[in-house]
């Protein structure tokens, strides 16, 4: 359970923490100092916004204040134009170099997922990182075995029999996002985490693609779930194949115009 306290000796009574708390657990007292509301620690979602917004380090969450946190480096912020270009040039990669990604870089990518938003800040996402070639082949074969049992996917299974990797497209690695089914919004939270990593891949010289065939197979195949040894009551909600792209894209393909209604 989170712990909250305010050091009045440091507080400048600016009220930023009162304004910032997303669920109104801090109120301005009659004497002009912010106060923690009764039972706040049972309701706190541990987002840390209150201590991050306090310039004086007067508010403590779990015995840590702003002075204990990493400082924001404004020099590293990307421009609006760079963000737009990043999303316009993002491609789903389906052809990969025969080259492994280092453990260090995979860990850096997973680190990104720590900072993405989640429902009520539950941070429910767990990861399976498939590194070995043997495991990738096992998952391909099990996915195709499930596809063969369903007539709608027979064409995909047939291409596998011709020697094509129809599941991971030759990617050397797979990230699998899973979460406890009883969490607030596990499917959305895993999707946000997976998408955030995918957008970051080009900055590492990498590319990726949502592993839709695997994801569909895994969520319907007890054999795959057993192979991955998921904890009880957990389910797979996201899967991202990744590696070094074989080709470089020189152009940005066209897209439909934005469809929006303005009120």
Protein backbone atom coordinates (compact mmCIF):
# COMPACT_ATOMS: atom_id res chain seq x y z
CA UNK A 1 0.00 0.00 0.00
CA UNK A 2 1.44 3.44 -0.93
CA UNK A 3 2.39 5.87 1.84
CA UNK A 4 1.86 9.62 1.52
CA UNK A 5 3.11 12.53 3.62
CA UNK A 6 3.83 16.25 3.24
CA UNK A 7 6.79 18.07 4.80
CA UNK A 8 5.37 21.47 5.72
CA UNK A 9 8.83 22.93 6.26
CA UNK A 10 9.54 22.52 2.54
CA UNK A 11 6.04 23.25 1.21
CA UNK A 12 5.51 26.61 -0.56
CA UNK A 13 1.71 26.18 -0.46
CA UNK A 14 1.47 26.43 -4.25
CA UNK A 15 -1.22 23.76 -4.50
CA UNK A 16 0.22 21.97 -7.53
CA UNK A 17 -0.15 18.60 -5.83
CA UNK A 18 -3.81 19.37 -5.11
CA UNK A 19 -4.45 20.18 -8.76
CA UNK A 20 -2.44 17.24 -10.08
CA UNK A 21 -3.77 14.26 -8.10
CA UNK A 22 -6.00 12.34 -10.56
CA UNK A 23 -8.33 11.00 -7.87
CA UNK A 24 -8.43 13.99 -5.51
CA UNK A 25 -6.53 12.55 -2.56
CA UNK A 26 -4.92 15.87 -1.62
CA UNK A 27 -6.91 18.90 -0.50
CA UNK A 28 -5.93 22.41 0.54
CA UNK A 29 -6.39 22.83 4.29
CA UNK A 30 -7.86 25.80 6.06
CA UNK A 31 -4.36 27.03 6.97
CA UNK A 32 -3.25 27.10 3.33
CA UNK A 33 -1.22 23.87 3.38
CA UNK A 34 -2.14 20.80 1.33
CA UNK A 35 -3.39 17.83 3.35
CA UNK A 36 -3.75 14.14 2.62
CA UNK A 37 -7.42 13.12 2.78
CA UNK A 38 -8.47 10.28 5.13
CA UNK A 39 -7.93 6.75 3.75
CA UNK A 40 -5.95 8.19 0.82
CA UNK A 41 -3.36 5.43 0.99
CA UNK A 42 -6.04 2.80 0.26
CA UNK A 43 -7.18 4.69 -2.84
CA UNK A 44 -3.81 5.94 -4.17
CA UNK A 45 -2.82 4.46 -7.55
CA UNK A 46 0.88 5.18 -6.93
CA UNK A 47 1.26 7.20 -10.15
CA UNK A 48 3.80 9.56 -8.58
CA UNK A 49 2.41 12.73 -10.18
CA UNK A 50 2.16 14.50 -6.82
CA UNK A 51 5.85 14.16 -5.98
CA UNK A 52 6.93 14.77 -9.59
CA UNK A 53 5.09 18.11 -9.70
CA UNK A 54 6.46 19.37 -6.35
CA UNK A 55 9.49 21.54 -7.10
CA UNK A 56 10.54 21.68 -3.44
CA UNK A 57 10.43 17.93 -2.74
CA UNK A 58 7.89 18.49 0.02
CA UNK A 59 5.59 15.61 -0.89
CA UNK A 60 6.73 12.07 -0.16
CA UNK A 61 5.27 8.99 -1.80
CA UNK A 62 6.64 5.73 -0.41
CA UNK A 63 9.26 7.77 1.48
CA UNK A 64 10.63 9.28 -1.74
CA UNK A 65 10.21 12.85 -2.97
CA UNK A 66 11.05 14.64 -6.23
CA UNK A 67 14.69 14.96 -5.20
CA UNK A 68 14.96 11.14 -5.30
CA UNK A 69 13.65 10.92 -8.87
CA UNK A 70 15.41 11.22 -12.22
CA UNK A 71 15.40 14.80 -13.50
CA UNK A 72 13.63 15.53 -16.79
CA UNK A 73 16.19 16.35 -19.51
CA UNK A 74 14.50 18.86 -21.81
CA UNK A 75 17.39 18.66 -24.26
CA UNK A 76 16.35 15.11 -25.18
CA UNK A 77 12.77 15.97 -26.08
CA UNK A 78 11.98 15.32 -29.74
CA UNK A 79 10.36 17.95 -31.92
CA UNK A 80 6.83 17.86 -33.26
CA UNK A 81 8.21 17.31 -36.76
CA UNK A 82 10.34 14.36 -35.60
CA UNK A 83 7.35 12.70 -33.93
CA UNK A 84 5.23 13.08 -37.07
CA UNK A 85 8.02 11.62 -39.21
CA UNK A 86 8.48 8.75 -36.78
CA UNK A 87 4.88 7.64 -37.12
CA UNK A 88 4.69 8.23 -40.89
CA UNK A 89 7.80 6.12 -41.54
CA UNK A 90 6.87 3.29 -39.19
CA UNK A 91 6.48 0.09 -41.18
CA UNK A 92 5.39 -3.42 -40.26
CA UNK A 93 8.50 -5.48 -41.01
CA UNK A 94 8.00 -8.95 -42.48
CA UNK A 95 11.49 -9.68 -43.85
CA UNK A 96 14.45 -9.88 -41.48
CA UNK A 97 18.22 -10.27 -41.55
CA UNK A 98 19.61 -13.53 -40.18
CA UNK A 99 21.00 -11.75 -37.13
CA UNK A 100 20.20 -11.88 -33.43
CA UNK A 101 19.38 -8.83 -31.31
CA UNK A 102 21.56 -8.51 -28.23
CA UNK A 103 20.16 -9.24 -24.78
CA UNK A 104 21.15 -5.70 -23.73
CA UNK A 105 19.03 -4.11 -26.47
CA UNK A 106 16.06 -6.37 -25.73
CA UNK A 107 16.29 -5.30 -22.09
CA UNK A 108 16.35 -1.63 -23.13
CA UNK A 109 13.20 -2.16 -25.17
CA UNK A 110 11.44 -3.82 -22.25
CA UNK A 111 12.54 -0.93 -20.04
CA UNK A 112 10.49 1.39 -22.27
CA UNK A 113 7.34 -0.53 -21.36
CA UNK A 114 7.80 0.39 -17.69
CA UNK A 115 6.87 4.00 -18.45
CA UNK A 116 3.81 3.62 -20.66
CA UNK A 117 0.32 4.30 -19.27
CA UNK A 118 -1.91 1.59 -17.83
CA UNK A 119 -5.43 1.57 -16.41
CA UNK A 120 -5.39 2.98 -12.86
CA UNK A 121 -1.61 2.64 -13.07
CA UNK A 122 -1.99 -1.10 -12.40
CA UNK A 123 1.11 -1.87 -14.49
CA UNK A 124 -0.17 -5.40 -15.16
CA UNK A 125 2.02 -6.32 -18.15
CA UNK A 126 4.40 -9.30 -17.98
CA UNK A 127 6.70 -10.33 -20.80
CA UNK A 128 7.95 -13.55 -22.31
CA UNK A 129 11.07 -12.95 -24.41
CA UNK A 130 11.65 -15.68 -26.98
CA UNK A 131 15.35 -15.65 -27.87
CA UNK A 132 16.23 -19.17 -28.99
CA UNK A 133 15.84 -20.40 -32.53
CA UNK A 134 14.53 -23.72 -31.23
CA UNK A 135 11.71 -22.07 -29.27
CA UNK A 136 10.76 -19.92 -32.26
CA UNK A 137 10.52 -23.06 -34.43
CA UNK A 138 8.43 -24.85 -31.80
CA UNK A 139 5.97 -21.95 -31.64
CA UNK A 140 5.77 -21.83 -35.45
CA UNK A 141 4.96 -25.53 -35.64
CA UNK A 142 2.39 -25.39 -32.83
CA UNK A 143 0.70 -22.36 -34.40
CA UNK A 144 0.48 -24.09 -37.77
CA UNK A 145 -0.83 -27.27 -36.13
CA UNK A 146 -3.72 -25.22 -34.75
CA UNK A 147 -4.26 -23.48 -38.11
CA UNK A 148 -4.51 -26.85 -39.90
CA UNK A 149 -7.54 -27.75 -37.79
CA UNK A 150 -9.49 -24.78 -39.16
CA UNK A 151 -10.46 -24.64 -42.80
CA UNK A 152 -10.28 -20.83 -42.98
CA UNK A 153 -6.51 -21.00 -42.40
CA UNK A 154 -5.67 -23.96 -44.64
CA UNK A 155 -3.96 -21.73 -47.24
CA UNK A 156 -1.59 -20.33 -44.61
CA UNK A 157 -0.78 -23.82 -43.35
CA UNK A 158 -0.08 -24.94 -46.93
CA UNK A 159 2.55 -22.22 -47.39
CA UNK A 160 4.26 -23.44 -44.22
CA UNK A 161 4.50 -26.90 -45.77
CA UNK A 162 6.32 -25.28 -48.72
CA UNK A 163 9.01 -24.09 -46.31
CA UNK A 164 7.80 -20.54 -45.65
CA UNK A 165 7.70 -19.03 -42.17
CA UNK A 166 4.13 -17.77 -42.24
CA UNK A 167 4.01 -17.10 -38.50
CA UNK A 168 7.08 -14.99 -37.66
CA UNK A 169 8.33 -14.17 -41.18
CA UNK A 170 11.91 -15.04 -40.27
CA UNK A 171 12.09 -12.76 -37.24
CA UNK A 172 14.69 -14.00 -34.73
CA UNK A 173 12.78 -12.89 -31.63
CA UNK A 174 9.30 -12.61 -30.18
CA UNK A 175 7.99 -10.50 -27.31
CA UNK A 176 4.80 -11.86 -25.74
CA UNK A 177 2.77 -9.57 -23.46
CA UNK A 178 0.52 -11.28 -20.93
CA UNK A 179 -1.41 -10.26 -17.83
CA UNK A 180 -3.75 -11.46 -15.14
CA UNK A 181 -7.23 -11.77 -16.63
CA UNK A 182 -8.88 -10.16 -13.61
CA UNK A 183 -7.03 -6.85 -13.95
CA UNK A 184 -8.94 -3.71 -14.87
CA UNK A 185 -8.15 -3.61 -18.58
CA UNK A 186 -5.40 -6.12 -19.41
CA UNK A 187 -5.99 -6.30 -23.16
CA UNK A 188 -5.70 -2.53 -23.61
CA UNK A 189 -2.72 -2.23 -21.26
CA UNK A 190 -0.80 -4.99 -23.05
CA UNK A 191 -1.65 -3.43 -26.43
CA UNK A 192 -0.33 -0.03 -25.33
CA UNK A 193 2.91 -1.56 -24.02
CA UNK A 194 3.44 -3.63 -27.17
CA UNK A 195 2.68 -0.73 -29.51
CA UNK A 196 5.04 1.57 -27.60
CA UNK A 197 7.92 -0.85 -28.05
CA UNK A 198 7.11 -1.30 -31.73
CA UNK A 199 7.24 2.46 -32.37
CA UNK A 200 10.62 2.63 -30.59
CA UNK A 201 12.23 -0.14 -32.68
CA UNK A 202 13.60 2.01 -35.56
CA UNK A 203 15.59 4.09 -33.05
CA UNK A 204 17.47 0.87 -32.26
CA UNK A 205 17.98 0.04 -35.93
CA UNK A 206 15.30 -2.63 -35.59
CA UNK A 207 11.86 -3.33 -36.98
CA UNK A 208 8.88 -5.38 -35.91
CA UNK A 209 5.37 -6.50 -36.65
CA UNK A 210 2.43 -7.59 -34.55
CA UNK A 211 2.43 -11.40 -34.66
CA UNK A 212 -1.27 -11.72 -35.40
CA UNK A 213 -1.27 -15.34 -36.56
CA UNK A 214 0.65 -16.44 -33.49
CA UNK A 215 -1.53 -14.35 -31.17
CA UNK A 216 -4.72 -15.79 -32.58
CA UNK A 217 -3.36 -19.34 -32.39
CA UNK A 218 -1.94 -18.91 -28.88
CA UNK A 219 -5.19 -17.59 -27.46
CA UNK A 220 -7.03 -20.64 -28.80
CA UNK A 221 -4.43 -23.39 -28.37
CA UNK A 222 -4.00 -24.99 -24.93
CA UNK A 223 -0.81 -26.59 -26.27
CA UNK A 224 0.86 -23.22 -26.81
CA UNK A 225 -0.24 -21.91 -23.41
CA UNK A 226 1.17 -25.03 -21.75
CA UNK A 227 4.43 -24.71 -23.69
CA UNK A 228 4.88 -21.09 -22.58
CA UNK A 229 4.13 -22.04 -18.95
CA UNK A 230 1.94 -19.03 -18.25
CA UNK A 231 0.94 -18.54 -14.60
CA UNK A 232 -2.60 -19.53 -13.67
CA UNK A 233 -5.35 -17.07 -14.64
CA UNK A 234 -3.05 -15.15 -17.00
CA UNK A 235 -3.67 -14.66 -20.70
CA UNK A 236 -1.68 -13.52 -23.74
CA UNK A 237 -2.81 -10.14 -25.08
CA UNK A 238 0.05 -8.98 -27.29
CA UNK A 239 2.84 -10.45 -29.44
CA UNK A 240 5.55 -8.61 -31.35
CA UNK A 241 8.09 -10.24 -33.66
CA UNK A 242 11.23 -8.19 -34.12
CA UNK A 243 14.71 -8.13 -35.59
CA UNK A 244 16.90 -6.29 -38.10
CA UNK A 245 14.93 -5.35 -41.26
CA UNK A 246 16.23 -6.88 -44.46
CA UNK A 247 15.14 -3.91 -46.59
CA UNK A 248 15.05 -0.14 -46.21
CA UNK A 249 11.91 1.74 -47.18
CA UNK A 250 12.56 4.88 -49.23
CA UNK A 251 8.99 6.13 -49.52
CA UNK A 252 5.96 6.65 -47.30
CA UNK A 253 2.88 4.84 -48.65
CA UNK A 254 -0.37 6.77 -48.89
CA UNK A 255 -3.12 6.44 -46.29
CA UNK A 256 -6.79 7.38 -46.15
CA UNK A 257 -7.64 10.88 -45.02
CA UNK A 258 -8.47 11.37 -41.35
CA UNK A 259 -12.13 10.72 -40.60
CA UNK A 260 -13.24 13.00 -37.76
CA UNK A 261 -16.35 14.79 -36.63
CA UNK A 262 -15.88 18.08 -34.83
CA UNK A 263 -18.37 19.20 -32.18
